[in-house]
Structure formats: structure tokens, C-alpha cells
Amino acid sequence: MTRRCRPATPLLSDPGASGTAAVGEHALPNWLDDPIDRARVQRALVIKLRHHGDVLLSSPVFSVLQRAFPGAECDALVYAETAPMLEDHPSIVQVHTIDRNWKRSGLARQFGAERRLISALRARRYDLVVHLTEHPRGAWLTRLLAPRYAVARELPGANWLWRSSFTHYYRLPLATPRHTVECNLDALRRIGLQPSASEKALVLRAGPAASERVAALLSSEGLAPRRFIQLHPGSRWLFKCWPAERTAELVNALARDGWPIVLSGAPDAREQALVKAIVGALDPRARGQVHDLSGKLTLKELAALTAQARLFIGVDSAPMHIASAMGTPVVVLFGPSGEIEWGPWQVPQRVITSKVHPCRPCGIDGCGGGKVSECLTTLPVARVHAAARELLAETEPVSA
């Protein structure tokens, strides 16, 4: 499926080729032996076949490409459920999607869907493909599309298909962690495109319809913009979640501070059960200040809600990255995943991690693979509450 994000612009040749890499008002020297010739790129495709947060963290790539190739067109290829993360991005013309359900619809239907996708991609005649994951689909798609340039991650021990499908390979640090945004941008650095600081910002557009519905919801709940705290306790991976009892204790403390709390969450049954357990464990005096919007919002509406929150509190999840994109201050609890690679991006923040578990971040789905992460479940409520109060004070709007 293909969704158009912005009108296509007339294709122009960029007179700047190799030699320097424009960065804002400056130019950096380009010491690469094999930079791409920017004048020969009229259309580019970025492939990011991962989850919602991963896709959102690739949004700066399109900002850099638009500046590097003025007048050219940039498209995205993502899984269908993650498309809202990039729809309405001002630097994207079309979002092509792959539906994970194709493989469950029978071979004939799957083949037809794949054929239509390939036809749509081929019709775009891409000059550059940027593949941002290790998914093998990116390798064989690149071979089918035959762009002039293609860049992907350098993978030690990669098979013949991977080694022969791309013109350029970018490297990531072997022993030191690096934020995922920077890792995505490394693909562009490898072909001679250096990002500026302003281009590294996450880009997510909620859109007028989502903003209007959220404004109506907040009004019906008696909530004013920037006068409530959003708490999103869930994640698609439950081993990244804080226990319901501790989350409820935090909500009680924030309610005592006088803050209305908006609970958000996915419609997934497990996340709904977590929210229900939190609400059930609340002090009766706090319940009047808690507004449960979990399972009631689309991704765009979630972004619109987060944009209106005074503070976002959550765990390592896509909604935390949405908060970064919307410029909302973030308090986030990290357990087995790494905050350096996945932490809040370019917003005021407090990252809460264990001080007594030297084994983290381990990347394991709970201690011993048991789906429960003690480095997360044992985080004290008092630390999270103090971090929230500090960040609220630090980001308090200045009165006129």
C-alpha cells in the first residue's frame, strides 16, 4: 500500500556534488573516497522495518535527505501499523507499507500484494536506497530496484546477498553504545551527508483531526492544556514495565501534589489489564484526579495528547519517543534496555535506572529470561516522584 504525504515537487538536480557536505550555513570537508554524487539523486527510499518507536527515531533521516537533495523526493517503506509515525512528515512524499498479515492471507494473496508493492516501488525509479535495519528484505528489494546508490549497515559475517546488494556500508561502534537516532544518521554520514544539529530533531505531526478530538476530550474531562501529567505505564514488552502497585503509589503521590493524571495505554489486552490493576490499587482520594484514556486513542491522538501534557512519565516504549517528538518533558524508567541507545531525545528529562544492578542493561527479557526485570521492578517510588517534581520545577513556564 502507498500513502502520499506531501505533493510531489518538480525534480531538480542539486548542483552540489562531492567535495563538501552542507550543514546549515556551514560546510564540512568531505574526506570520503566514494561519496555519492548528490546531483544524480532525484528520488530516495528509506527502509525501516521495525516497531513504532524505531520508525519514529528514523524521522530525522528524511529531514537531512530533503536538505541534501533540494527538489528531490524521499519515500519511506515501513510496516503498515507503523505508518502513522511518518505520515505527514514534511520531507516525505510517499509512505509505502508492508502488511504483516499478508503472510496469513494465503500464498496467492500474499504474492499479489508483494507484486503490487514491488511494482509501486519500481515505478518510482529510486536513485538511492537507505536500508536502516538488518532485515534481509532490504537486500533483495534493493537488488530488484537497482538504484544507483544503496547504503546499509556493515554486518560481520554477512552472507553473499547482503555483501553484494549495496554500494556503501556504514559502521557502528563495536564496544560503545550510541543513540539510535545517531546510528540511523550514520547511514547518511557514510555517503557524505553530514547532519546539522537542527536536523536531528524527531518529527511527528499529530494533524488537525487528532488535535481537535483530543482538545474535545480534555475539555470533557475538565483538563486544561499543560496542566496535567500523562502517565503511560505499558509497553509491548511487559518485562519493561514497572509493577502496578508501585505505579499506583506514584499516582497517589502526584495526586497529593495537586496534579491531575491522565493514564494512556494501548488497546492491547495485557496493557489494559495493567492499567486496570493500577486504577484498582489507587488510594480512593486520588481516583477523582485520575482520567483513564487508555485504549481510546489512535497513535496520532496519543501524540496530540502528549503535546498538551505538562510532563510525560513512562517506560522504554514508543510513547516515550512520541513525547520526545512532541517536546514534552520526560521521566522514564529503564530496566534491561539501554538508555544511551533508547533514551529520550532532545527534551528535558530524568532517566531512572537501578543503582544496585551492575548487570544492566542486559538486553534480556527479564532476569534469566523470566519476563520479570528486577532492576526495574525494584526502582523506588520515592526516586521517581522526586525526579518528576524536580523536572516540573525545572521546566516551569515563566510568567509574563
Protein backbone atom coordinates (compact mmCIF):
# COMPACT_ATOMS: atom_id res chain seq x y z
CA MET A 1 0.00 0.00 0.00
CA THR A 2 1.19 3.54 -0.75
CA ARG A 3 0.13 6.71 1.05
CA ARG A 4 1.03 10.16 -0.26
CA CYS A 5 2.29 12.53 2.44
CA ARG A 6 3.00 15.73 0.54
CA PRO A 7 2.65 16.86 -3.07
CA ALA A 8 5.46 15.74 -5.32
CA THR A 9 7.74 18.57 -6.34
CA PRO A 10 9.38 19.03 -9.72
CA LEU A 11 12.60 17.06 -9.81
CA LEU A 12 15.66 19.28 -9.73
CA SER A 13 19.31 18.49 -9.95
CA ASP A 14 21.38 19.54 -6.96
CA PRO A 15 24.45 21.34 -8.28
CA GLY A 16 26.40 20.37 -5.19
CA ALA A 17 28.12 17.01 -5.55
CA SER A 18 31.03 15.70 -3.53
CA GLY A 19 33.73 17.87 -2.02
CA THR A 20 31.81 19.49 0.84
CA ALA A 21 28.84 18.48 2.94
CA ALA A 22 26.48 21.35 3.61
CA VAL A 23 25.40 21.67 7.23
CA GLY A 24 23.04 24.55 7.88
CA GLU A 25 25.01 27.65 6.98
CA HIS A 26 28.32 25.84 7.19
CA ALA A 27 30.16 23.28 5.10
CA LEU A 28 32.24 20.41 6.39
CA PRO A 29 35.05 18.85 4.39
CA ASN A 30 34.21 15.51 2.84
CA TRP A 31 37.17 13.14 3.05
CA LEU A 32 35.37 10.10 1.66
CA ASP A 33 36.87 8.36 -1.34
CA ASP A 34 33.43 7.26 -2.52
CA PRO A 35 30.76 9.86 -1.63
CA ILE A 36 27.62 9.79 -3.69
CA ASP A 37 27.13 12.43 -6.36
CA ARG A 38 24.19 14.40 -5.00
CA ALA A 39 23.36 15.81 -8.41
CA ARG A 40 22.42 12.30 -9.54
CA VAL A 41 19.84 11.64 -6.82
CA GLN A 42 16.30 12.53 -7.81
CA ARG A 43 14.41 10.05 -5.64
CA ALA A 44 15.38 8.24 -2.44
CA LEU A 45 13.77 5.40 -0.49
CA VAL A 46 14.37 4.81 3.21
CA ILE A 47 13.53 1.31 4.51
CA LYS A 48 12.80 0.88 8.22
CA LEU A 49 11.09 -2.42 9.00
CA ARG A 50 10.82 -2.31 12.78
CA HIS A 51 8.45 -1.27 15.55
CA HIS A 52 6.75 2.10 16.11
CA GLY A 53 9.48 3.71 18.20
CA ASP A 54 12.23 2.54 15.86
CA VAL A 55 10.41 4.09 12.90
CA LEU A 56 9.90 7.40 14.71
CA LEU A 57 13.61 7.51 15.56
CA SER A 58 14.37 7.37 11.82
CA SER A 59 12.40 10.58 11.14
CA PRO A 60 15.49 12.87 11.18
CA VAL A 61 16.92 10.90 8.24
CA PHE A 62 14.27 12.38 5.97
CA SER A 63 14.99 15.91 7.18
CA VAL A 64 18.66 15.51 6.24
CA LEU A 65 17.83 13.99 2.86
CA GLN A 66 15.48 16.84 1.96
CA ARG A 67 18.18 19.42 2.69
CA ALA A 68 20.86 17.41 0.91
CA PHE A 69 18.75 16.91 -2.22
CA PRO A 70 16.65 20.05 -2.70
CA GLY A 71 13.83 19.36 -5.12
CA ALA A 72 14.26 15.59 -4.92
CA GLU A 73 11.62 13.26 -3.45
CA CYS A 74 12.03 10.99 -0.43
CA ASP A 75 9.80 7.99 0.30
CA ALA A 76 9.59 5.52 3.18
CA LEU A 77 8.93 1.78 3.36
CA VAL A 78 7.66 0.58 6.74
CA TYR A 79 5.28 -1.94 8.25
CA ALA A 80 1.67 -0.82 7.86
CA GLU A 81 0.97 -0.46 11.58
CA THR A 82 3.91 1.94 12.00
CA ALA A 83 2.99 4.24 9.09
CA PRO A 84 1.36 6.89 11.36
CA MET A 85 4.82 7.59 12.78
CA LEU A 86 5.87 9.07 9.42
CA GLU A 87 2.63 10.20 7.80
CA ASP A 88 2.52 13.97 7.27
CA HIS A 89 6.30 14.24 7.69
CA PRO A 90 7.10 17.37 5.64
CA SER A 91 10.11 15.71 3.99
CA ILE A 92 8.31 12.55 2.83
CA VAL A 93 6.32 12.29 -0.39
CA GLN A 94 5.04 8.70 -0.14
CA VAL A 95 4.90 6.08 2.61
CA HIS A 96 4.86 2.55 1.19
CA THR A 97 3.75 -0.16 3.60
CA ILE A 98 4.09 -3.89 4.15
CA ASP A 99 1.21 -5.57 5.96
CA ARG A 100 2.42 -8.32 8.27
CA ASN A 101 -0.92 -10.06 7.70
CA TRP A 102 -0.09 -10.74 4.06
CA LYS A 103 1.61 -13.98 5.03
CA ARG A 104 -1.56 -15.14 6.79
CA SER A 105 -3.84 -14.44 3.83
CA GLY A 106 -2.72 -17.35 1.65
CA LEU A 107 0.05 -17.63 -0.90
CA ALA A 108 -1.97 -16.20 -3.79
CA ARG A 109 -2.99 -13.06 -1.93
CA GLN A 110 0.45 -12.61 -0.42
CA PHE A 111 2.07 -12.94 -3.84
CA GLY A 112 -0.35 -10.40 -5.29
CA ALA A 113 0.30 -7.91 -2.51
CA GLU A 114 4.07 -8.31 -2.81
CA ARG A 115 3.88 -7.88 -6.58
CA ARG A 116 1.86 -4.67 -6.24
CA LEU A 117 4.36 -3.31 -3.73
CA ILE A 118 7.33 -4.06 -5.96
CA SER A 119 5.56 -2.51 -8.96
CA ALA A 120 4.84 0.65 -6.97
CA LEU A 121 8.44 0.87 -5.80
CA ARG A 122 9.87 0.22 -9.25
CA ALA A 123 7.65 2.91 -10.74
CA ARG A 124 9.38 5.46 -8.50
CA ARG A 125 12.82 4.73 -10.09
CA TYR A 126 14.89 5.36 -6.99
CA ASP A 127 18.46 6.60 -7.30
CA LEU A 128 19.25 5.98 -3.61
CA VAL A 129 18.09 3.34 -1.13
CA VAL A 130 18.88 3.75 2.58
CA HIS A 131 18.28 0.49 4.45
CA LEU A 132 18.26 1.07 8.22
CA THR A 133 17.86 -2.45 9.61
CA GLU A 134 19.40 -5.86 9.08
CA HIS A 135 16.18 -7.23 7.56
CA PRO A 136 17.06 -9.39 4.53
CA ARG A 137 14.07 -8.00 2.64
CA GLY A 138 16.01 -4.78 2.22
CA ALA A 139 18.80 -6.59 0.40
CA TRP A 140 16.69 -8.36 -2.19
CA LEU A 141 14.43 -5.34 -2.66
CA THR A 142 17.49 -3.22 -3.37
CA ARG A 143 18.63 -5.70 -5.99
CA LEU A 144 15.19 -5.59 -7.63
CA LEU A 145 15.04 -1.78 -7.59
CA ALA A 146 18.63 -1.38 -8.87
CA PRO A 147 19.29 2.14 -7.55
CA ARG A 148 22.49 3.96 -8.44
CA TYR A 149 23.43 4.09 -4.75
CA ALA A 150 22.41 1.98 -1.75
CA VAL A 151 23.66 2.03 1.82
CA ALA A 152 23.15 -0.46 4.65
CA ARG A 153 24.85 -1.47 7.86
CA GLU A 154 28.11 -3.36 7.69
CA LEU A 155 27.43 -6.81 9.18
CA PRO A 156 30.37 -9.02 10.13
CA GLY A 157 29.91 -12.46 8.67
CA ALA A 158 27.09 -11.35 6.37
CA ASN A 159 26.04 -13.68 3.57
CA TRP A 160 26.71 -13.13 -0.12
CA LEU A 161 23.34 -11.47 -0.74
CA TRP A 162 23.98 -8.79 1.87
CA ARG A 163 27.59 -8.20 0.86
CA SER A 164 26.71 -7.71 -2.80
CA SER A 165 23.45 -5.74 -2.64
CA PHE A 166 24.65 -2.30 -1.56
CA THR A 167 27.22 0.20 -2.81
CA HIS A 168 28.07 1.54 0.66
CA TYR A 169 28.10 0.07 4.18
CA TYR A 170 28.05 2.15 7.37
CA ARG A 171 29.73 1.08 10.58
CA LEU A 172 28.50 1.27 14.14
CA PRO A 173 30.70 1.26 17.26
CA LEU A 174 31.60 -2.24 18.37
CA ALA A 175 32.11 -1.65 22.08
CA THR A 176 30.42 1.66 22.93
CA PRO A 177 26.66 2.35 22.81
CA ARG A 178 25.28 5.10 20.59
CA HIS A 179 21.80 6.57 20.44
CA THR A 180 19.62 5.01 17.76
CA VAL A 181 18.98 8.41 16.14
CA GLU A 182 22.71 8.82 15.58
CA CYS A 183 23.02 5.24 14.34
CA ASN A 184 20.36 5.95 11.72
CA LEU A 185 22.14 9.13 10.68
CA ASP A 186 25.40 7.21 10.36
CA ALA A 187 23.98 5.70 7.18
CA LEU A 188 23.91 9.18 5.67
CA ARG A 189 27.31 10.14 7.03
CA ARG A 190 28.76 7.16 5.21
CA ILE A 191 27.62 8.50 1.84
CA GLY A 192 28.84 12.03 2.53
CA LEU A 193 25.78 13.69 4.10
CA GLN A 194 26.57 15.27 7.46
CA PRO A 195 23.52 16.22 9.57
CA SER A 196 23.20 19.54 11.34
CA ALA A 197 22.03 19.77 14.94
CA SER A 198 18.62 21.14 13.95
CA GLU A 199 18.05 18.25 11.53
CA LYS A 200 18.44 15.69 14.32
CA ALA A 201 15.07 16.57 15.87
CA LEU A 202 12.35 13.92 15.81
CA VAL A 203 9.45 14.79 13.52
CA LEU A 204 5.88 13.69 14.25
CA ARG A 205 2.74 15.51 13.12
CA ALA A 206 -0.46 14.76 15.05
CA GLY A 207 -2.63 16.52 12.47
CA PRO A 208 -5.71 18.73 12.86
CA ALA A 209 -8.26 15.93 13.27
CA ALA A 210 -6.36 14.26 16.12
CA SER A 211 -5.65 17.58 17.81
CA GLU A 212 -9.31 18.60 17.65
CA ARG A 213 -10.53 15.30 19.10
CA VAL A 214 -8.01 15.45 21.95
CA ALA A 215 -8.95 19.05 22.69
CA ALA A 216 -12.58 17.94 22.95
CA LEU A 217 -11.67 15.00 25.19
CA LEU A 218 -9.61 17.18 27.53
CA SER A 219 -12.42 19.72 27.72
CA SER A 220 -14.94 16.98 28.56
CA GLU A 221 -12.63 15.76 31.33
CA GLY A 222 -12.20 19.28 32.70
CA LEU A 223 -8.48 19.34 31.89
CA ALA A 224 -6.55 22.38 30.71
CA PRO A 225 -3.56 22.11 28.33
CA ARG A 226 -0.23 21.80 30.14
CA ARG A 227 -1.99 21.38 33.48
CA PHE A 228 -1.92 17.60 33.73
CA ILE A 229 0.65 14.79 33.86
CA GLN A 230 0.44 11.94 31.37
CA LEU A 231 1.41 8.52 32.67
CA HIS A 232 1.83 5.71 30.15
CA PRO A 233 2.76 2.61 32.18
CA GLY A 234 2.73 -0.02 29.42
CA SER A 235 4.98 -1.37 26.71
CA ARG A 236 4.56 -4.07 24.11
CA TRP A 237 7.19 -5.88 26.19
CA LEU A 238 5.90 -6.40 29.72
CA PHE A 239 9.38 -7.06 31.09
CA LYS A 240 9.99 -3.32 30.54
CA CYS A 241 7.06 -2.35 32.77
CA TRP A 242 7.02 -1.16 36.39
CA PRO A 243 4.73 -3.08 38.78
CA ALA A 244 1.15 -1.82 39.01
CA GLU A 245 1.40 -1.35 42.78
CA ARG A 246 4.40 0.98 42.52
CA THR A 247 2.85 2.89 39.66
CA ALA A 248 -0.28 3.39 41.77
CA GLU A 249 1.85 4.69 44.65
CA LEU A 250 3.41 7.22 42.29
CA VAL A 251 -0.02 8.35 41.06
CA ASN A 252 -1.15 8.76 44.68
CA ALA A 253 1.87 10.95 45.41
CA LEU A 254 1.37 13.11 42.32
CA ALA A 255 -2.33 13.48 43.14
CA ARG A 256 -1.39 14.66 46.64
CA ASP A 257 0.78 17.28 44.93
CA GLY A 258 -2.38 18.51 43.22
CA TRP A 259 -1.73 17.17 39.72
CA PRO A 260 -4.44 15.63 37.55
CA ILE A 261 -3.16 12.41 35.97
CA VAL A 262 -4.11 11.13 32.52
CA LEU A 263 -3.50 7.42 32.04
CA SER A 264 -2.80 6.34 28.47
CA GLY A 265 -2.20 2.89 27.04
CA ALA A 266 -2.63 0.68 24.00
CA PRO A 267 -5.84 -1.30 23.47
CA ASP A 268 -3.79 -4.50 23.85
CA ALA A 269 -5.39 -6.75 26.48
CA ARG A 270 -2.22 -7.00 28.55
CA GLU A 271 -1.75 -3.23 28.71
CA GLN A 272 -5.41 -2.80 29.58
CA ALA A 273 -5.01 -5.30 32.41
CA LEU A 274 -2.00 -3.34 33.71
CA VAL A 275 -3.94 -0.06 33.69
CA LYS A 276 -6.90 -1.73 35.41
CA ALA A 277 -4.60 -3.06 38.12
CA ILE A 278 -3.12 0.41 38.64
CA VAL A 279 -6.54 2.03 38.95
CA GLY A 280 -7.65 -0.72 41.32
CA ALA A 281 -4.69 -0.09 43.62
CA LEU A 282 -5.20 3.68 43.86
CA ASP A 283 -6.00 5.49 47.07
CA PRO A 284 -9.71 6.41 46.88
CA ARG A 285 -8.77 10.05 47.43
CA ALA A 286 -6.62 10.00 44.27
CA ARG A 287 -9.15 8.43 41.94
CA GLY A 288 -11.01 11.68 41.36
CA GLN A 289 -7.86 13.17 39.85
CA VAL A 290 -7.18 10.24 37.50
CA HIS A 291 -8.52 10.26 33.95
CA ASP A 292 -8.25 6.95 32.13
CA LEU A 293 -7.91 7.39 28.36
CA SER A 294 -6.12 4.09 27.81
CA GLY A 295 -7.22 2.21 24.71
CA LYS A 296 -9.26 5.18 23.48
CA LEU A 297 -6.72 6.99 21.31
CA THR A 298 -5.14 6.42 17.92
CA LEU A 299 -1.40 6.93 17.58
CA LYS A 300 -1.96 10.41 16.17
CA GLU A 301 -4.32 11.24 19.03
CA LEU A 302 -1.80 9.92 21.52
CA ALA A 303 0.73 12.34 20.03
CA ALA A 304 -1.79 15.18 20.29
CA LEU A 305 -2.47 14.31 23.94
CA THR A 306 1.23 14.15 24.77
CA ALA A 307 1.79 17.55 23.16
CA GLN A 308 -0.67 19.00 25.70
CA ALA A 309 0.79 17.26 28.77
CA ARG A 310 2.94 19.16 31.26
CA LEU A 311 5.03 16.03 31.86
CA PHE A 312 5.22 12.50 30.48
CA ILE A 313 6.07 9.57 32.78
CA GLY A 314 6.62 6.10 31.36
CA VAL A 315 9.00 3.30 30.48
CA ASP A 316 11.11 2.46 27.44
CA SER A 317 8.38 2.43 24.79
CA ALA A 318 7.17 4.14 21.63
CA PRO A 319 5.01 6.64 23.60
CA MET A 320 8.17 7.83 25.37
CA HIS A 321 9.70 8.57 21.96
CA ILE A 322 6.47 10.29 20.95
CA ALA A 323 6.90 12.55 23.99
CA SER A 324 10.38 13.45 22.76
CA ALA A 325 9.00 14.26 19.32
CA MET A 326 6.29 16.49 20.80
CA GLY A 327 8.77 18.35 23.04
CA THR A 328 7.18 17.21 26.31
CA PRO A 329 9.49 16.75 29.32
CA VAL A 330 10.04 13.07 30.12
CA VAL A 331 10.60 10.98 33.23
CA VAL A 332 11.37 7.43 32.10
CA LEU A 333 12.23 4.22 33.93
CA PHE A 334 14.77 1.92 32.28
CA GLY A 335 15.46 -1.70 33.17
CA PRO A 336 17.10 -4.25 30.87
CA SER A 337 17.24 -1.97 27.82
CA GLY A 338 19.89 0.69 27.38
CA GLU A 339 19.07 4.34 27.99
CA ILE A 340 22.06 5.50 25.92
CA GLU A 341 20.67 3.82 22.81
CA TRP A 342 16.96 4.32 23.51
CA GLY A 343 16.61 7.23 25.92
CA PRO A 344 14.59 10.44 25.48
CA TRP A 345 15.87 12.58 22.64
CA GLN A 346 16.47 16.34 22.85
CA VAL A 347 13.93 17.10 25.59
CA PRO A 348 14.24 17.94 29.31
CA GLN A 349 14.39 14.57 31.02
CA ARG A 350 15.09 12.40 34.01
CA VAL A 351 16.15 8.80 33.36
CA ILE A 352 15.66 6.49 36.35
CA THR A 353 17.83 3.36 36.48
CA SER A 354 18.88 0.92 39.18
CA LYS A 355 21.94 1.78 41.28
CA VAL A 356 22.33 -1.77 42.59
CA HIS A 357 22.19 -3.94 39.47
CA PRO A 358 25.56 -3.78 37.69
CA CYS A 359 24.27 -6.40 35.22
CA ARG A 360 22.04 -3.90 33.46
CA PRO A 361 21.46 -3.09 30.70
CA CYS A 362 21.49 -6.75 29.73
CA GLY A 363 19.01 -6.78 26.85
CA ILE A 364 17.38 -9.93 28.26
CA ASP A 365 13.61 -10.36 28.53
CA GLY A 366 13.63 -10.39 32.32
CA CYS A 367 16.16 -11.84 34.71
CA GLY A 368 17.18 -15.24 33.38
CA GLY A 369 14.60 -14.83 30.60
CA GLY A 370 11.85 -14.99 33.24
CA LYS A 371 9.96 -11.92 31.94
CA VAL A 372 10.47 -10.00 35.20
CA SER A 373 13.33 -7.45 35.39
CA GLU A 374 14.39 -6.87 38.98
CA CYS A 375 16.46 -3.84 38.01
CA LEU A 376 13.16 -2.22 37.03
CA THR A 377 10.64 -3.70 39.46
CA THR A 378 12.73 -2.65 42.47
CA LEU A 379 13.07 1.02 41.50
CA PRO A 380 11.85 3.08 44.48
CA VAL A 381 8.69 5.14 44.12
CA ALA A 382 10.35 8.00 46.02
CA ARG A 383 13.08 8.35 43.38
CA VAL A 384 10.59 8.57 40.54
CA HIS A 385 8.39 11.01 42.43
CA ALA A 386 11.38 13.22 43.28
CA ALA A 387 12.52 13.18 39.65
CA ALA A 388 9.07 14.25 38.49
CA ARG A 389 8.92 17.11 40.96
CA GLU A 390 12.42 18.26 40.01
CA LEU A 391 11.64 18.23 36.31
CA LEU A 392 8.34 20.04 36.81
CA ALA A 393 10.14 22.77 38.76
CA GLU A 394 12.94 22.95 36.21
CA THR A 395 10.56 23.38 33.27
CA GLU A 396 8.02 25.65 34.98
CA PRO A 397 6.84 28.25 32.43
CA VAL A 398 7.97 31.78 33.19
CA SER A 399 5.04 34.04 33.99
CA ALA A 400 4.73 37.16 31.86
